[in-house]
Amino acid sequence: MPHYTPEERLNIKVTEALFDVEDPRDKALLFADDAVWWNGLPFVGGEPGQTEHKGIDAIRGILTGAGSEKAAHSGVDAYDLSTCRNEDVVVLADGDYVVRQHTMSAKTRRGQDYTNVYCFVFRFNDAGKIQYLTEHWNTWHAYNVLFNNFEMEPAHPLR
C-alpha cells in the first residue's frame, strides 16, 4: 500500500466524491472555477468537435448531460446516471495528480446495457480543487452505443 501525503489523500477523496452516485451534491463544485475537462470524444458536452470544456458551467453540463433528456432525432442514448456502477477501481496519487481507472456499467435511457473502461488523470490546484481533468475511454465503443442511435426514417413516397 502506498504511503500518501495528507494532500494526496485529500485529492483521492475528491476523486471518490466525484464518482459517488449516492451523493446528491453538485459535483461541479469539486472543480476550480476555471477548471478544464478534456474528453477525446468530440460529441460530449458543448459544441460538436469540442474536446476541452472550460469552466464550471461547461463541466456541470458534462456531469448532468448523461441524465438530461435529449431530442429523439439527436441519435444520443445517454446512460441513466442512477444505474451507474464502477468496478475494478484503481487509484494512484503523486503530488498534485491522481489517476483513476475503473469499469463503469449502466443502463442507457433506451434500455441498452453499457459498459466501458475509463481512465481519468486529475491535476489539483493548491486549494484541493480539480484544475484539469483528462478523460480517456474507449471512444469507439461509446460512440457506437451512445451517439450512433438514429431511428430509421421511413420513406414517404406518396406525400
Protein backbone atom coordinates (compact mmCIF):
# COMPACT_ATOMS: atom_id res chain seq x y z
CA MET A 1 0.00 0.00 0.00
CA PRO A 2 1.48 3.37 -0.96
CA HIS A 3 2.08 5.98 1.73
CA TYR A 4 0.30 9.15 0.65
CA THR A 5 0.71 12.66 2.00
CA PRO A 6 -2.32 14.34 3.58
CA GLU A 7 -2.79 16.38 0.37
CA GLU A 8 -2.69 13.25 -1.79
CA ARG A 9 -5.25 11.55 0.47
CA LEU A 10 -7.49 14.63 0.20
CA ASN A 11 -7.17 14.59 -3.61
CA ILE A 12 -8.11 10.90 -3.66
CA LYS A 13 -11.20 11.68 -1.53
CA VAL A 14 -12.24 14.34 -4.04
CA THR A 15 -11.99 11.84 -6.91
CA GLU A 16 -14.05 9.35 -4.90
CA ALA A 17 -16.69 12.02 -4.27
CA LEU A 18 -16.89 12.79 -8.00
CA PHE A 19 -17.91 9.20 -8.76
CA ASP A 20 -20.18 8.65 -5.74
CA VAL A 21 -23.58 8.15 -7.39
CA GLU A 22 -25.32 8.13 -3.98
CA ASP A 23 -24.11 11.65 -3.13
CA PRO A 24 -26.58 14.26 -4.46
CA ARG A 25 -24.19 17.25 -4.10
CA ASP A 26 -23.32 19.39 -7.10
CA LYS A 27 -20.15 17.62 -8.27
CA ALA A 28 -19.13 20.65 -10.34
CA LEU A 29 -18.17 22.32 -7.04
CA LEU A 30 -15.25 19.88 -6.76
CA PHE A 31 -13.65 21.78 -9.66
CA ALA A 32 -11.83 25.13 -9.68
CA ASP A 33 -13.83 27.96 -11.26
CA ASP A 34 -11.50 27.97 -14.28
CA ALA A 35 -11.09 24.19 -14.46
CA VAL A 36 -10.91 22.29 -17.74
CA TRP A 37 -12.28 18.82 -18.53
CA TRP A 38 -10.74 17.24 -21.63
CA ASN A 39 -12.65 14.42 -23.32
CA GLY A 40 -11.37 12.90 -26.53
CA LEU A 41 -14.84 12.21 -27.95
CA PRO A 42 -15.90 15.49 -29.57
CA PHE A 43 -19.63 14.84 -29.01
CA VAL A 44 -19.59 15.23 -25.21
CA GLY A 45 -20.65 18.48 -23.61
CA GLY A 46 -20.80 21.67 -25.66
CA GLU A 47 -20.44 22.10 -29.39
CA PRO A 48 -19.61 19.10 -31.61
CA GLY A 49 -15.88 19.00 -32.24
CA GLN A 50 -15.00 20.47 -28.85
CA THR A 51 -12.76 18.40 -26.56
CA GLU A 52 -11.78 20.95 -23.87
CA HIS A 53 -14.69 22.04 -21.72
CA LYS A 54 -13.76 25.14 -19.70
CA GLY A 55 -15.36 26.48 -16.53
CA ILE A 56 -17.92 25.27 -14.02
CA ASP A 57 -20.95 25.66 -16.31
CA ALA A 58 -19.37 23.56 -19.06
CA ILE A 59 -18.28 20.93 -16.54
CA ARG A 60 -21.73 20.87 -14.94
CA GLY A 61 -23.11 20.22 -18.45
CA ILE A 62 -20.88 17.15 -18.76
CA LEU A 63 -21.76 15.89 -15.30
CA THR A 64 -25.51 16.21 -15.86
CA GLY A 65 -25.61 15.60 -19.62
CA ALA A 66 -25.97 11.85 -19.31
CA GLY A 67 -29.07 12.37 -17.20
CA SER A 68 -30.78 15.02 -19.31
CA GLU A 69 -33.41 14.49 -21.93
CA LYS A 70 -32.07 14.58 -25.47
CA ALA A 71 -34.15 15.10 -28.57
CA ALA A 72 -35.14 11.79 -30.15
CA HIS A 73 -33.67 12.80 -33.52
CA SER A 74 -30.26 13.60 -31.98
CA GLY A 75 -29.12 9.96 -32.02
CA VAL A 76 -27.91 10.25 -28.44
CA ASP A 77 -28.72 7.48 -25.97
CA ALA A 78 -27.13 8.67 -22.72
CA TYR A 79 -26.71 6.37 -19.78
CA ASP A 80 -29.07 6.59 -16.85
CA LEU A 81 -26.97 8.09 -14.03
CA SER A 82 -28.98 6.25 -11.38
CA THR A 83 -27.80 2.89 -12.77
CA CYS A 84 -24.05 3.67 -12.91
CA ARG A 85 -21.77 1.21 -11.13
CA ASN A 86 -17.98 1.39 -11.00
CA GLU A 87 -15.87 -1.73 -10.53
CA ASP A 88 -12.21 -2.70 -10.72
CA VAL A 89 -11.22 0.71 -9.39
CA VAL A 90 -7.51 1.53 -9.35
CA VAL A 91 -6.40 4.85 -7.83
CA LEU A 92 -2.86 6.22 -7.69
CA ALA A 93 -1.72 9.60 -6.42
CA ASP A 94 1.50 11.53 -6.89
CA GLY A 95 1.68 15.12 -5.70
CA ASP A 96 -0.96 17.19 -7.48
CA TYR A 97 -2.01 14.26 -9.69
CA VAL A 98 -4.45 11.42 -9.20
CA VAL A 99 -5.05 8.68 -11.76
CA ARG A 100 -8.23 6.66 -11.50
CA GLN A 101 -9.20 3.76 -13.74
CA HIS A 102 -12.48 1.90 -13.45
CA THR A 103 -15.01 -0.10 -15.40
CA MET A 104 -18.36 1.66 -15.48
CA SER A 105 -21.59 -0.19 -16.19
CA ALA A 106 -25.03 1.32 -16.62
CA LYS A 107 -28.30 1.05 -18.48
CA THR A 108 -28.92 3.64 -21.14
CA ARG A 109 -32.13 5.63 -21.26
CA ARG A 110 -33.26 3.39 -24.12
CA GLY A 111 -32.58 0.26 -22.07
CA GLN A 112 -29.26 -0.85 -23.57
CA ASP A 113 -26.56 -2.34 -21.39
CA TYR A 114 -23.46 -0.14 -21.45
CA THR A 115 -20.02 -0.97 -20.09
CA ASN A 116 -16.80 0.91 -20.74
CA VAL A 117 -13.35 1.26 -19.21
CA TYR A 118 -12.32 4.78 -18.17
CA CYS A 119 -9.03 6.28 -17.06
CA PHE A 120 -9.05 9.76 -15.58
CA VAL A 121 -5.98 11.88 -14.90
CA PHE A 122 -6.71 14.66 -12.39
CA ARG A 123 -4.48 17.65 -11.67
CA PHE A 124 -5.37 19.50 -8.47
CA ASN A 125 -4.68 23.10 -7.51
CA ASP A 126 -3.34 24.26 -4.14
CA ALA A 127 -6.91 24.67 -2.80
CA GLY A 128 -7.64 20.95 -3.36
CA LYS A 129 -9.94 21.58 -6.32
CA ILE A 130 -9.72 19.77 -9.65
CA GLN A 131 -7.92 22.10 -12.05
CA TYR A 132 -7.61 19.87 -15.13
CA LEU A 133 -9.22 16.51 -15.85
CA THR A 134 -8.23 14.32 -18.74
CA GLU A 135 -10.75 11.57 -19.52
CA HIS A 136 -9.69 8.52 -21.51
CA TRP A 137 -12.16 5.83 -22.55
CA ASN A 138 -12.97 3.54 -25.43
CA THR A 139 -14.48 6.30 -27.54
CA TRP A 140 -15.20 3.96 -30.47
CA HIS A 141 -17.40 1.81 -28.25
CA ALA A 142 -19.06 4.84 -26.61
CA TYR A 143 -19.81 6.39 -29.99
CA ASN A 144 -21.41 3.17 -31.24
CA VAL A 145 -23.55 2.65 -28.15
CA LEU A 146 -24.32 6.22 -27.02
CA PHE A 147 -24.02 8.51 -30.04
CA ASN A 148 -25.00 6.44 -33.05
CA ASN A 149 -28.65 5.69 -32.30
CA PHE A 150 -30.60 7.29 -35.10
CA GLU A 151 -34.00 5.83 -35.74
CA MET A 152 -34.70 4.80 -39.30
CA GLU A 153 -36.80 7.40 -41.09
CA PRO A 154 -39.26 5.61 -43.35
CA ALA A 155 -39.70 6.73 -46.93
CA HIS A 156 -42.89 8.64 -47.66
CA PRO A 157 -43.13 8.49 -51.45
CA LEU A 158 -46.80 9.47 -51.58
CA ARG A 159 -46.57 12.66 -49.54
